[in-house]
Amino acid sequence: AIEYALENNIAITDEASALEYIGETVQVVMGRSDNIKITYPDDLELARLILQSQS
């Protein structure tokens, strides 16, 4: 789906939007609260705190 979007100059924001664009169904499932996405520099501090609490 991502390859298709890139080859066809389709603007996508993530894997889910790429899949939806080609007609696939996307589902949201429960995950762990410590499975975070690091997008901004401030997210690194949260990741550090999570890792510290696990050791």
PDB file of N, CA and C in Angstrom:
ATOM      1  N   ALA A   1       0.822  -1.190   0.000  1.00  0.00           N
ATOM      2  CA  ALA A   1       0.000   0.000   0.000  1.00  0.00           C
ATOM      3  C   ALA A   1       0.871   1.261   0.000  1.00  0.00           C
ATOM      4  N   ILE A   2       1.940   1.225   0.780  1.00  0.00           N
ATOM      5  CA  ILE A   2       2.818   2.392   0.838  1.00  0.00           C
ATOM      6  C   ILE A   2       3.550   2.564  -0.486  1.00  0.00           C
ATOM      7  N   GLU A   3       4.025   1.466  -1.053  1.00  0.00           N
ATOM      8  CA  GLU A   3       4.684   1.546  -2.364  1.00  0.00           C
ATOM      9  C   GLU A   3       3.748   2.146  -3.400  1.00  0.00           C
ATOM     10  N   TYR A   4       2.488   1.693  -3.402  1.00  0.00           N
ATOM     11  CA  TYR A   4       1.502   2.202  -4.350  1.00  0.00           C
ATOM     12  C   TYR A   4       1.330   3.705  -4.176  1.00  0.00           C
ATOM     13  N   ALA A   5       1.202   4.143  -2.932  1.00  0.00           N
ATOM     14  CA  ALA A   5       1.019   5.570  -2.659  1.00  0.00           C
ATOM     15  C   ALA A   5       2.224   6.373  -3.130  1.00  0.00           C
ATOM     16  N   LEU A   6       3.420   5.880  -2.839  1.00  0.00           N
ATOM     17  CA  LEU A   6       4.627   6.599  -3.246  1.00  0.00           C
ATOM     18  C   LEU A   6       4.771   6.653  -4.762  1.00  0.00           C
ATOM     19  N   GLU A   7       4.499   5.536  -5.425  1.00  0.00           N
ATOM     20  CA  GLU A   7       4.622   5.484  -6.886  1.00  0.00           C
ATOM     21  C   GLU A   7       3.607   6.381  -7.586  1.00  0.00           C
ATOM     22  N   ASN A   8       2.459   6.625  -6.928  1.00  0.00           N
ATOM     23  CA  ASN A   8       1.387   7.408  -7.533  1.00  0.00           C
ATOM     24  C   ASN A   8       1.238   8.795  -6.922  1.00  0.00           C
ATOM     25  N   ASN A   9       2.252   9.237  -6.183  1.00  0.00           N
ATOM     26  CA  ASN A   9       2.256  10.571  -5.569  1.00  0.00           C
ATOM     27  C   ASN A   9       1.005  10.854  -4.746  1.00  0.00           C
ATOM     28  N   ILE A  10       0.597   9.871  -3.971  1.00  0.00           N
ATOM     29  CA  ILE A  10      -0.566  10.012  -3.102  1.00  0.00           C
ATOM     30  C   ILE A  10      -0.064  10.383  -1.711  1.00  0.00           C
ATOM     31  N   ALA A  11      -0.626  11.454  -1.159  1.00  0.00           N
ATOM     32  CA  ALA A  11      -0.211  11.913   0.171  1.00  0.00           C
ATOM     33  C   ALA A  11      -0.833  11.012   1.229  1.00  0.00           C
ATOM     34  N   ILE A  12       0.008  10.355   2.001  1.00  0.00           N
ATOM     35  CA  ILE A  12      -0.457   9.528   3.111  1.00  0.00           C
ATOM     36  C   ILE A  12       0.235  10.010   4.379  1.00  0.00           C
ATOM     37  N   THR A  13      -0.399   9.738   5.507  1.00  0.00           N
ATOM     38  CA  THR A  13       0.190  10.158   6.777  1.00  0.00           C
ATOM     39  C   THR A  13       0.775   8.994   7.554  1.00  0.00           C
ATOM     40  N   ASP A  14       0.310   7.786   7.253  1.00  0.00           N
ATOM     41  CA  ASP A  14       0.795   6.604   7.965  1.00  0.00           C
ATOM     42  C   ASP A  14       0.360   5.352   7.211  1.00  0.00           C
ATOM     43  N   GLU A  15       0.694   4.193   7.759  1.00  0.00           N
ATOM     44  CA  GLU A  15       0.356   2.933   7.111  1.00  0.00           C
ATOM     45  C   GLU A  15      -1.151   2.758   6.976  1.00  0.00           C
ATOM     46  N   ALA A  16      -1.892   3.165   8.000  1.00  0.00           N
ATOM     47  CA  ALA A  16      -3.343   2.999   7.967  1.00  0.00           C
ATOM     48  C   ALA A  16      -3.970   3.800   6.831  1.00  0.00           C
ATOM     49  N   SER A  17      -3.525   5.022   6.629  1.00  0.00           N
ATOM     50  CA  SER A  17      -4.104   5.827   5.546  1.00  0.00           C
ATOM     51  C   SER A  17      -3.763   5.231   4.188  1.00  0.00           C
ATOM     52  N   ALA A  18      -2.589   4.636   4.059  1.00  0.00           N
ATOM     53  CA  ALA A  18      -2.220   3.980   2.798  1.00  0.00           C
ATOM     54  C   ALA A  18      -3.129   2.788   2.538  1.00  0.00           C
ATOM     55  N   LEU A  19      -3.366   1.988   3.559  1.00  0.00           N
ATOM     56  CA  LEU A  19      -4.243   0.830   3.406  1.00  0.00           C
ATOM     57  C   LEU A  19      -5.671   1.244   3.083  1.00  0.00           C
ATOM     58  N   GLU A  20      -6.179   2.270   3.768  1.00  0.00           N
ATOM     59  CA  GLU A  20      -7.532   2.747   3.484  1.00  0.00           C
ATOM     60  C   GLU A  20      -7.649   3.245   2.055  1.00  0.00           C
ATOM     61  N   TYR A  21      -6.606   3.883   1.547  1.00  0.00           N
ATOM     62  CA  TYR A  21      -6.642   4.418   0.190  1.00  0.00           C
ATOM     63  C   TYR A  21      -6.839   3.317  -0.839  1.00  0.00           C
ATOM     64  N   ILE A  22      -6.251   2.141  -0.603  1.00  0.00           N
ATOM     65  CA  ILE A  22      -6.404   1.052  -1.572  1.00  0.00           C
ATOM     66  C   ILE A  22      -7.603   0.161  -1.249  1.00  0.00           C
ATOM     67  N   GLY A  23      -8.447   0.600  -0.309  1.00  0.00           N
ATOM     68  CA  GLY A  23      -9.695  -0.102  -0.040  1.00  0.00           C
ATOM     69  C   GLY A  23      -9.637  -1.172   1.034  1.00  0.00           C
ATOM     70  N   GLU A  24      -8.538  -1.263   1.747  1.00  0.00           N
ATOM     71  CA  GLU A  24      -8.422  -2.252   2.822  1.00  0.00           C
ATOM     72  C   GLU A  24      -9.080  -1.722   4.090  1.00  0.00           C
ATOM     73  N   THR A  25      -9.576  -2.628   4.901  1.00  0.00           N
ATOM     74  CA  THR A  25     -10.175  -2.271   6.179  1.00  0.00           C
ATOM     75  C   THR A  25      -9.086  -2.187   7.240  1.00  0.00           C
ATOM     76  N   VAL A  26      -9.119  -1.122   8.003  1.00  0.00           N
ATOM     77  CA  VAL A  26      -8.152  -0.919   9.080  1.00  0.00           C
ATOM     78  C   VAL A  26      -8.892  -1.059  10.399  1.00  0.00           C
ATOM     79  N   GLN A  27      -8.297  -1.773  11.338  1.00  0.00           N
ATOM     80  CA  GLN A  27      -8.915  -1.958  12.644  1.00  0.00           C
ATOM     81  C   GLN A  27      -7.999  -1.417  13.736  1.00  0.00           C
ATOM     82  N   VAL A  28      -8.614  -0.909  14.772  1.00  0.00           N
ATOM     83  CA  VAL A  28      -7.873  -0.439  15.938  1.00  0.00           C
ATOM     84  C   VAL A  28      -7.957  -1.539  16.992  1.00  0.00           C
ATOM     85  N   VAL A  29      -6.831  -1.887  17.560  1.00  0.00           N
ATOM     86  CA  VAL A  29      -6.794  -2.919  18.595  1.00  0.00           C
ATOM     87  C   VAL A  29      -6.123  -2.358  19.841  1.00  0.00           C
ATOM     88  N   MET A  30      -6.479  -2.926  20.979  1.00  0.00           N
ATOM     89  CA  MET A  30      -5.871  -2.498  22.233  1.00  0.00           C
ATOM     90  C   MET A  30      -4.405  -2.901  22.244  1.00  0.00           C
ATOM     91  N   GLY A  31      -3.589  -2.001  22.703  1.00  0.00           N
ATOM     92  CA  GLY A  31      -2.167  -2.288  22.827  1.00  0.00           C
ATOM     93  C   GLY A  31      -1.701  -1.911  24.217  1.00  0.00           C
ATOM     94  N   ARG A  32      -0.436  -2.006  24.421  1.00  0.00           N
ATOM     95  CA  ARG A  32       0.139  -1.642  25.713  1.00  0.00           C
ATOM     96  C   ARG A  32       0.302  -0.126  25.795  1.00  0.00           C
ATOM     97  N   SER A  33       0.047   0.414  26.959  1.00  0.00           N
ATOM     98  CA  SER A  33       0.149   1.865  27.132  1.00  0.00           C
ATOM     99  C   SER A  33       1.590   2.355  27.049  1.00  0.00           C
ATOM    100  N   ASP A  34       2.549   1.446  27.222  1.00  0.00           N
ATOM    101  CA  ASP A  34       3.945   1.862  27.126  1.00  0.00           C
ATOM    102  C   ASP A  34       4.517   1.675  25.719  1.00  0.00           C
ATOM    103  N   ASN A  35       3.681   1.310  24.775  1.00  0.00           N
ATOM    104  CA  ASN A  35       4.100   1.184  23.378  1.00  0.00           C
ATOM    105  C   ASN A  35       3.810   2.524  22.702  1.00  0.00           C
ATOM    106  N   ILE A  36       4.722   3.463  22.864  1.00  0.00           N
ATOM    107  CA  ILE A  36       4.484   4.828  22.402  1.00  0.00           C
ATOM    108  C   ILE A  36       5.154   5.077  21.057  1.00  0.00           C
ATOM    109  N   LYS A  37       4.668   6.080  20.381  1.00  0.00           N
ATOM    110  CA  LYS A  37       5.271   6.525  19.124  1.00  0.00           C
ATOM    111  C   LYS A  37       6.141   7.742  19.441  1.00  0.00           C
ATOM    112  N   ILE A  38       7.377   7.695  19.031  1.00  0.00           N
ATOM    113  CA  ILE A  38       8.271   8.828  19.256  1.00  0.00           C
ATOM    114  C   ILE A  38       8.269   9.686  18.000  1.00  0.00           C
ATOM    115  N   THR A  39       7.662  10.858  18.125  1.00  0.00           N
ATOM    116  CA  THR A  39       7.525  11.774  17.000  1.00  0.00           C
ATOM    117  C   THR A  39       8.306  13.059  17.232  1.00  0.00           C
ATOM    118  N   TYR A  40       8.259  13.533  18.450  1.00  0.00           N
ATOM    119  CA  TYR A  40       8.881  14.803  18.800  1.00  0.00           C
ATOM    120  C   TYR A  40       9.990  14.578  19.828  1.00  0.00           C
ATOM    121  N   PRO A  41      10.943  15.485  19.908  1.00  0.00           N
ATOM    122  CA  PRO A  41      12.023  15.325  20.893  1.00  0.00           C
ATOM    123  C   PRO A  41      11.514  15.123  22.321  1.00  0.00           C
ATOM    124  N   ASP A  42      10.419  15.766  22.683  1.00  0.00           N
ATOM    125  CA  ASP A  42       9.869  15.610  24.035  1.00  0.00           C
ATOM    126  C   ASP A  42       9.424  14.176  24.314  1.00  0.00           C
ATOM    127  N   ASP A  43       9.083  13.425  23.270  1.00  0.00           N
ATOM    128  CA  ASP A  43       8.662  12.034  23.441  1.00  0.00           C
ATOM    129  C   ASP A  43       9.799  11.169  23.973  1.00  0.00           C
ATOM    130  N   LEU A  44      11.025  11.572  23.730  1.00  0.00           N
ATOM    131  CA  LEU A  44      12.172  10.809  24.213  1.00  0.00           C
ATOM    132  C   LEU A  44      12.222  10.774  25.735  1.00  0.00           C
ATOM    133  N   GLU A  45      11.811  11.841  26.380  1.00  0.00           N
ATOM    134  CA  GLU A  45      11.790  11.871  27.845  1.00  0.00           C
ATOM    135  C   GLU A  45      10.778  10.863  28.373  1.00  0.00           C
ATOM    136  N   LEU A  46       9.604  10.799  27.765  1.00  0.00           N
ATOM    137  CA  LEU A  46       8.606   9.813  28.170  1.00  0.00           C
ATOM    138  C   LEU A  46       9.147   8.401  27.963  1.00  0.00           C
ATOM    139  N   ALA A  47       9.800   8.158  26.847  1.00  0.00           N
ATOM    140  CA  ALA A  47      10.389   6.842  26.583  1.00  0.00           C
ATOM    141  C   ALA A  47      11.436   6.501  27.640  1.00  0.00           C
ATOM    142  N   ARG A  48      12.244   7.475  28.004  1.00  0.00           N
ATOM    143  CA  ARG A  48      13.266   7.252  29.026  1.00  0.00           C
ATOM    144  C   ARG A  48      12.621   6.861  30.355  1.00  0.00           C
ATOM    145  N   LEU A  49      11.554   7.562  30.733  1.00  0.00           N
ATOM    146  CA  LEU A  49      10.863   7.252  31.987  1.00  0.00           C
ATOM    147  C   LEU A  49      10.252   5.851  31.956  1.00  0.00           C
ATOM    148  N   ILE A  50       9.678   5.479  30.834  1.00  0.00           N
ATOM    149  CA  ILE A  50       9.099   4.137  30.699  1.00  0.00           C
ATOM    150  C   ILE A  50      10.186   3.081  30.842  1.00  0.00           C
ATOM    151  N   LEU A  51      11.304   3.283  30.159  1.00  0.00           N
ATOM    152  CA  LEU A  51      12.397   2.312  30.234  1.00  0.00           C
ATOM    153  C   LEU A  51      12.966   2.209  31.646  1.00  0.00           C
ATOM    154  N   GLN A  52      13.073   3.335  32.327  1.00  0.00           N
ATOM    155  CA  GLN A  52      13.571   3.318  33.715  1.00  0.00           C
ATOM    156  C   GLN A  52      12.637   2.526  34.620  1.00  0.00           C
ATOM    157  N   SER A  53      11.339   2.676  34.410  1.00  0.00           N
ATOM    158  CA  SER A  53      10.374   1.989  35.271  1.00  0.00           C
ATOM    159  C   SER A  53      10.357   0.482  35.021  1.00  0.00           C
ATOM    160  N   GLN A  54      10.862   0.053  33.882  1.00  0.00           N
ATOM    161  CA  GLN A  54      10.863  -1.372  33.545  1.00  0.00           C
ATOM    162  C   GLN A  54      12.142  -2.080  33.980  1.00  0.00           C
ATOM    163  N   SER A  55      13.121  -1.334  34.441  1.00  0.00           N
ATOM    164  CA  SER A  55      14.387  -1.985  34.816  1.00  0.00           C
ATOM    165  C   SER A  55      14.563  -2.083  36.311  1.00  0.00           C
TER     166      SER A  55
END
